[in-house]
Amino acid sequence: MTPVQTALLRETWEQVIPIGDAAATLFYDRLFEIDETAKPLFAGVDMAEQRRKLLKTLNGVIEGLNDLEALIPAIQDLGRRHAAVGVTDAQYDSVGAALLWTLEKGLGDRWSTEAQVAWARAYGLIADTMREAAKEASDPGAKADRLAN
């Protein structure tokens, strides 16, 4: 992430905070619309609490951008927990698409190509870290293979 992208992530996130619950609702509605396989993962889940968790997680990521080394273990843990509930690789792509769509809708005129690139890059880094941790959790040999290469 460049310093300009990091600043843009912070700036746009500050604009999302006041509409946080509405944005989180838009996000989950869009996710369930574009990925039918995601909805069963939330059966029996208190969606109000889930929306709060999403916002808290995103806020933590934005706050942690200046110290990625400290943030990575939390993201890896999140990836392992997602694997434990059955999140698939393809669902990470759906989440990314839903997130970018939500930010575009929520920010309206304040959304730009530069913001989209910054958010896509940040989400890609997060998703890749989570996917890798999930693979290592499900296949202990994967970590050994990665360390050997």
C-alpha atoms as a PDB file:
ATOM      1  CA  MET A   1       0.000   0.000   0.000  1.00  0.00           C
ATOM      2  CA  THR A   2       1.290   3.441  -0.845  1.00  0.00           C
ATOM      3  CA  PRO A   3       0.982   6.282   1.658  1.00  0.00           C
ATOM      4  CA  VAL A   4      -1.557   7.941  -0.655  1.00  0.00           C
ATOM      5  CA  GLN A   5      -3.654   4.753  -0.760  1.00  0.00           C
ATOM      6  CA  THR A   6      -3.468   4.401   3.019  1.00  0.00           C
ATOM      7  CA  ALA A   7      -4.622   7.996   3.450  1.00  0.00           C
ATOM      8  CA  LEU A   8      -7.443   7.407   0.971  1.00  0.00           C
ATOM      9  CA  LEU A   9      -8.575   4.293   2.847  1.00  0.00           C
ATOM     10  CA  ARG A  10      -8.684   6.266   6.086  1.00  0.00           C
ATOM     11  CA  GLU A  11     -10.481   9.208   4.474  1.00  0.00           C
ATOM     12  CA  THR A  12     -13.171   7.081   2.852  1.00  0.00           C
ATOM     13  CA  TRP A  13     -13.584   4.941   5.979  1.00  0.00           C
ATOM     14  CA  GLU A  14     -14.229   8.106   8.023  1.00  0.00           C
ATOM     15  CA  GLN A  15     -17.066   8.831   5.610  1.00  0.00           C
ATOM     16  CA  VAL A  16     -18.511   5.335   6.057  1.00  0.00           C
ATOM     17  CA  ILE A  17     -18.530   5.369   9.864  1.00  0.00           C
ATOM     18  CA  PRO A  18     -21.606   7.643  10.176  1.00  0.00           C
ATOM     19  CA  ILE A  19     -23.573   5.283   7.899  1.00  0.00           C
ATOM     20  CA  GLY A  20     -21.965   2.133   9.283  1.00  0.00           C
ATOM     21  CA  ASP A  21     -25.017   0.009  10.069  1.00  0.00           C
ATOM     22  CA  ALA A  22     -26.726   0.945   6.806  1.00  0.00           C
ATOM     23  CA  ALA A  23     -23.518   0.152   4.907  1.00  0.00           C
ATOM     24  CA  ALA A  24     -23.160  -3.198   6.683  1.00  0.00           C
ATOM     25  CA  THR A  25     -26.784  -4.014   5.851  1.00  0.00           C
ATOM     26  CA  LEU A  26     -26.151  -3.127   2.201  1.00  0.00           C
ATOM     27  CA  PHE A  27     -23.025  -5.305   2.267  1.00  0.00           C
ATOM     28  CA  TYR A  28     -24.774  -8.437   3.543  1.00  0.00           C
ATOM     29  CA  ASP A  29     -27.790  -7.908   1.290  1.00  0.00           C
ATOM     30  CA  ARG A  30     -25.455  -7.635  -1.704  1.00  0.00           C
ATOM     31  CA  LEU A  31     -23.342 -10.600  -0.611  1.00  0.00           C
ATOM     32  CA  PHE A  32     -26.398 -12.841  -0.305  1.00  0.00           C
ATOM     33  CA  GLU A  33     -27.659 -11.582  -3.674  1.00  0.00           C
ATOM     34  CA  ILE A  34     -24.446 -12.362  -5.575  1.00  0.00           C
ATOM     35  CA  ASP A  35     -23.432 -15.525  -3.708  1.00  0.00           C
ATOM     36  CA  GLU A  36     -26.169 -17.951  -2.701  1.00  0.00           C
ATOM     37  CA  THR A  37     -23.587 -20.126  -0.961  1.00  0.00           C
ATOM     38  CA  ALA A  38     -22.818 -17.412   1.595  1.00  0.00           C
ATOM     39  CA  LYS A  39     -26.261 -17.129   3.172  1.00  0.00           C
ATOM     40  CA  PRO A  40     -26.272 -20.570   4.868  1.00  0.00           C
ATOM     41  CA  LEU A  41     -23.092 -19.586   6.715  1.00  0.00           C
ATOM     42  CA  PHE A  42     -25.186 -17.036   8.606  1.00  0.00           C
ATOM     43  CA  ALA A  43     -28.115 -19.285   9.534  1.00  0.00           C
ATOM     44  CA  GLY A  44     -29.005 -18.616  13.141  1.00  0.00           C
ATOM     45  CA  VAL A  45     -26.602 -15.664  13.361  1.00  0.00           C
ATOM     46  CA  ASP A  46     -27.748 -12.415  14.974  1.00  0.00           C
ATOM     47  CA  MET A  47     -27.248 -10.178  11.945  1.00  0.00           C
ATOM     48  CA  ALA A  48     -27.246  -6.970  13.992  1.00  0.00           C
ATOM     49  CA  GLU A  49     -24.297  -8.356  15.946  1.00  0.00           C
ATOM     50  CA  GLN A  50     -22.695  -9.608  12.726  1.00  0.00           C
ATOM     51  CA  ARG A  51     -22.939  -6.121  11.217  1.00  0.00           C
ATOM     52  CA  ARG A  52     -21.229  -4.702  14.320  1.00  0.00           C
ATOM     53  CA  LYS A  53     -18.468  -7.311  13.995  1.00  0.00           C
ATOM     54  CA  LEU A  54     -17.932  -6.436  10.342  1.00  0.00           C
ATOM     55  CA  LEU A  55     -17.614  -2.740  11.122  1.00  0.00           C
ATOM     56  CA  LYS A  56     -15.316  -3.409  14.080  1.00  0.00           C
ATOM     57  CA  THR A  57     -13.094  -5.634  11.934  1.00  0.00           C
ATOM     58  CA  LEU A  58     -12.883  -3.116   9.106  1.00  0.00           C
ATOM     59  CA  ASN A  59     -12.166  -0.351  11.598  1.00  0.00           C
ATOM     60  CA  GLY A  60      -9.372  -2.434  13.129  1.00  0.00           C
ATOM     61  CA  VAL A  61      -7.851  -3.005   9.717  1.00  0.00           C
ATOM     62  CA  ILE A  62      -7.949   0.697   8.868  1.00  0.00           C
ATOM     63  CA  GLU A  63      -6.432   1.598  12.248  1.00  0.00           C
ATOM     64  CA  GLY A  64      -3.725  -1.042  11.784  1.00  0.00           C
ATOM     65  CA  LEU A  65      -2.527   0.064   8.366  1.00  0.00           C
ATOM     66  CA  ASN A  66       0.564   1.757   9.776  1.00  0.00           C
ATOM     67  CA  ASP A  67       1.684  -1.413  11.552  1.00  0.00           C
ATOM     68  CA  LEU A  68       0.905  -4.308   9.251  1.00  0.00           C
ATOM     69  CA  GLU A  69       3.224  -6.672  11.115  1.00  0.00           C
ATOM     70  CA  ALA A  70       1.046  -6.322  14.208  1.00  0.00           C
ATOM     71  CA  LEU A  71      -2.152  -6.629  12.145  1.00  0.00           C
ATOM     72  CA  ILE A  72      -1.217  -9.805  10.249  1.00  0.00           C
ATOM     73  CA  PRO A  73      -1.677 -12.261  13.164  1.00  0.00           C
ATOM     74  CA  ALA A  74      -5.215 -10.967  13.747  1.00  0.00           C
ATOM     75  CA  ILE A  75      -6.015 -11.351  10.052  1.00  0.00           C
ATOM     76  CA  GLN A  76      -4.557 -14.866  10.030  1.00  0.00           C
ATOM     77  CA  ASP A  77      -6.670 -15.782  13.057  1.00  0.00           C
ATOM     78  CA  LEU A  78      -9.733 -14.434  11.265  1.00  0.00           C
ATOM     79  CA  GLY A  79      -8.884 -16.621   8.272  1.00  0.00           C
ATOM     80  CA  ARG A  80      -8.623 -19.711  10.482  1.00  0.00           C
ATOM     81  CA  ARG A  81     -11.968 -18.932  12.138  1.00  0.00           C
ATOM     82  CA  HIS A  82     -13.604 -18.427   8.740  1.00  0.00           C
ATOM     83  CA  ALA A  83     -12.206 -21.769   7.573  1.00  0.00           C
ATOM     84  CA  ALA A  84     -13.647 -23.432  10.665  1.00  0.00           C
ATOM     85  CA  VAL A  85     -17.164 -22.321   9.690  1.00  0.00           C
ATOM     86  CA  GLY A  86     -16.744 -23.426   6.067  1.00  0.00           C
ATOM     87  CA  VAL A  87     -15.854 -20.258   4.162  1.00  0.00           C
ATOM     88  CA  THR A  88     -14.494 -21.166   0.721  1.00  0.00           C
ATOM     89  CA  ASP A  89     -11.938 -19.462  -1.505  1.00  0.00           C
ATOM     90  CA  ALA A  90     -14.651 -18.389  -3.947  1.00  0.00           C
ATOM     91  CA  GLN A  91     -16.574 -16.694  -1.159  1.00  0.00           C
ATOM     92  CA  TYR A  92     -13.640 -14.358  -0.521  1.00  0.00           C
ATOM     93  CA  ASP A  93     -14.115 -13.086  -4.070  1.00  0.00           C
ATOM     94  CA  SER A  94     -17.823 -12.533  -3.422  1.00  0.00           C
ATOM     95  CA  VAL A  95     -17.067 -10.664  -0.211  1.00  0.00           C
ATOM     96  CA  GLY A  96     -14.620  -8.416  -2.048  1.00  0.00           C
ATOM     97  CA  ALA A  97     -17.148  -7.667  -4.771  1.00  0.00           C
ATOM     98  CA  ALA A  98     -19.858  -6.949  -2.191  1.00  0.00           C
ATOM     99  CA  LEU A  99     -17.515  -4.701  -0.204  1.00  0.00           C
ATOM    100  CA  LEU A 100     -16.499  -2.591  -3.195  1.00  0.00           C
ATOM    101  CA  TRP A 101     -20.118  -2.345  -4.360  1.00  0.00           C
ATOM    102  CA  THR A 102     -21.211  -1.273  -0.879  1.00  0.00           C
ATOM    103  CA  LEU A 103     -18.526   1.386  -0.628  1.00  0.00           C
ATOM    104  CA  GLU A 104     -19.440   2.736  -4.052  1.00  0.00           C
ATOM    105  CA  LYS A 105     -23.146   2.907  -3.173  1.00  0.00           C
ATOM    106  CA  GLY A 106     -22.547   4.270   0.320  1.00  0.00           C
ATOM    107  CA  LEU A 107     -20.062   6.941  -0.680  1.00  0.00           C
ATOM    108  CA  GLY A 108     -21.766   8.041  -3.899  1.00  0.00           C
ATOM    109  CA  ASP A 109     -19.967  11.063  -5.382  1.00  0.00           C
ATOM    110  CA  ARG A 110     -17.143  10.649  -2.885  1.00  0.00           C
ATOM    111  CA  TRP A 111     -16.190   7.280  -4.428  1.00  0.00           C
ATOM    112  CA  SER A 112     -13.408   7.514  -7.001  1.00  0.00           C
ATOM    113  CA  THR A 113     -11.326   5.238  -9.173  1.00  0.00           C
ATOM    114  CA  GLU A 114      -8.400   5.859  -6.818  1.00  0.00           C
ATOM    115  CA  ALA A 115     -10.519   4.831  -3.814  1.00  0.00           C
ATOM    116  CA  GLN A 116     -11.639   1.691  -5.629  1.00  0.00           C
ATOM    117  CA  VAL A 117      -8.049   0.733  -6.426  1.00  0.00           C
ATOM    118  CA  ALA A 118      -6.939   1.359  -2.827  1.00  0.00           C
ATOM    119  CA  TRP A 119      -9.810  -0.653  -1.321  1.00  0.00           C
ATOM    120  CA  ALA A 120      -9.390  -3.481  -3.835  1.00  0.00           C
ATOM    121  CA  ARG A 121      -5.689  -3.682  -3.057  1.00  0.00           C
ATOM    122  CA  ALA A 122      -6.257  -3.589   0.711  1.00  0.00           C
ATOM    123  CA  TYR A 123      -8.983  -6.220   0.511  1.00  0.00           C
ATOM    124  CA  GLY A 124      -6.815  -8.389  -1.728  1.00  0.00           C
ATOM    125  CA  LEU A 125      -3.997  -8.331   0.817  1.00  0.00           C
ATOM    126  CA  ILE A 126      -6.395  -9.178   3.640  1.00  0.00           C
ATOM    127  CA  ALA A 127      -8.153 -11.931   1.701  1.00  0.00           C
ATOM    128  CA  ASP A 128      -4.859 -13.486   0.579  1.00  0.00           C
ATOM    129  CA  THR A 129      -3.594 -13.521   4.168  1.00  0.00           C
ATOM    130  CA  MET A 130      -6.840 -15.076   5.402  1.00  0.00           C
ATOM    131  CA  ARG A 131      -6.856 -17.677   2.623  1.00  0.00           C
ATOM    132  CA  GLU A 132      -3.274 -18.692   3.357  1.00  0.00           C
ATOM    133  CA  ALA A 133      -4.010 -19.059   7.084  1.00  0.00           C
ATOM    134  CA  ALA A 134      -7.144 -21.064   6.291  1.00  0.00           C
ATOM    135  CA  LYS A 135      -5.165 -23.420   4.042  1.00  0.00           C
ATOM    136  CA  GLU A 136      -2.507 -23.891   6.695  1.00  0.00           C
ATOM    137  CA  ALA A 137      -5.195 -24.603   9.295  1.00  0.00           C
ATOM    138  CA  SER A 138      -6.827 -27.265   7.112  1.00  0.00           C
ATOM    139  CA  ASP A 139      -3.555 -28.722   5.806  1.00  0.00           C
ATOM    140  CA  PRO A 140      -0.620 -28.569   8.245  1.00  0.00           C
ATOM    141  CA  GLY A 141       1.669 -29.710   5.423  1.00  0.00           C
ATOM    142  CA  ALA A 142       0.873 -26.511   3.499  1.00  0.00           C
ATOM    143  CA  LYS A 143       2.753 -24.414   6.038  1.00  0.00           C
ATOM    144  CA  ALA A 144       5.773 -26.693   5.867  1.00  0.00           C
ATOM    145  CA  ASP A 145       5.692 -26.533   2.049  1.00  0.00           C
ATOM    146  CA  ARG A 146       5.488 -22.721   2.117  1.00  0.00           C
ATOM    147  CA  LEU A 147       8.378 -22.452   4.570  1.00  0.00           C
ATOM    148  CA  ALA A 148      10.496 -24.838   2.485  1.00  0.00           C
ATOM    149  CA  ASN A 149      10.100 -22.719  -0.670  1.00  0.00           C
END
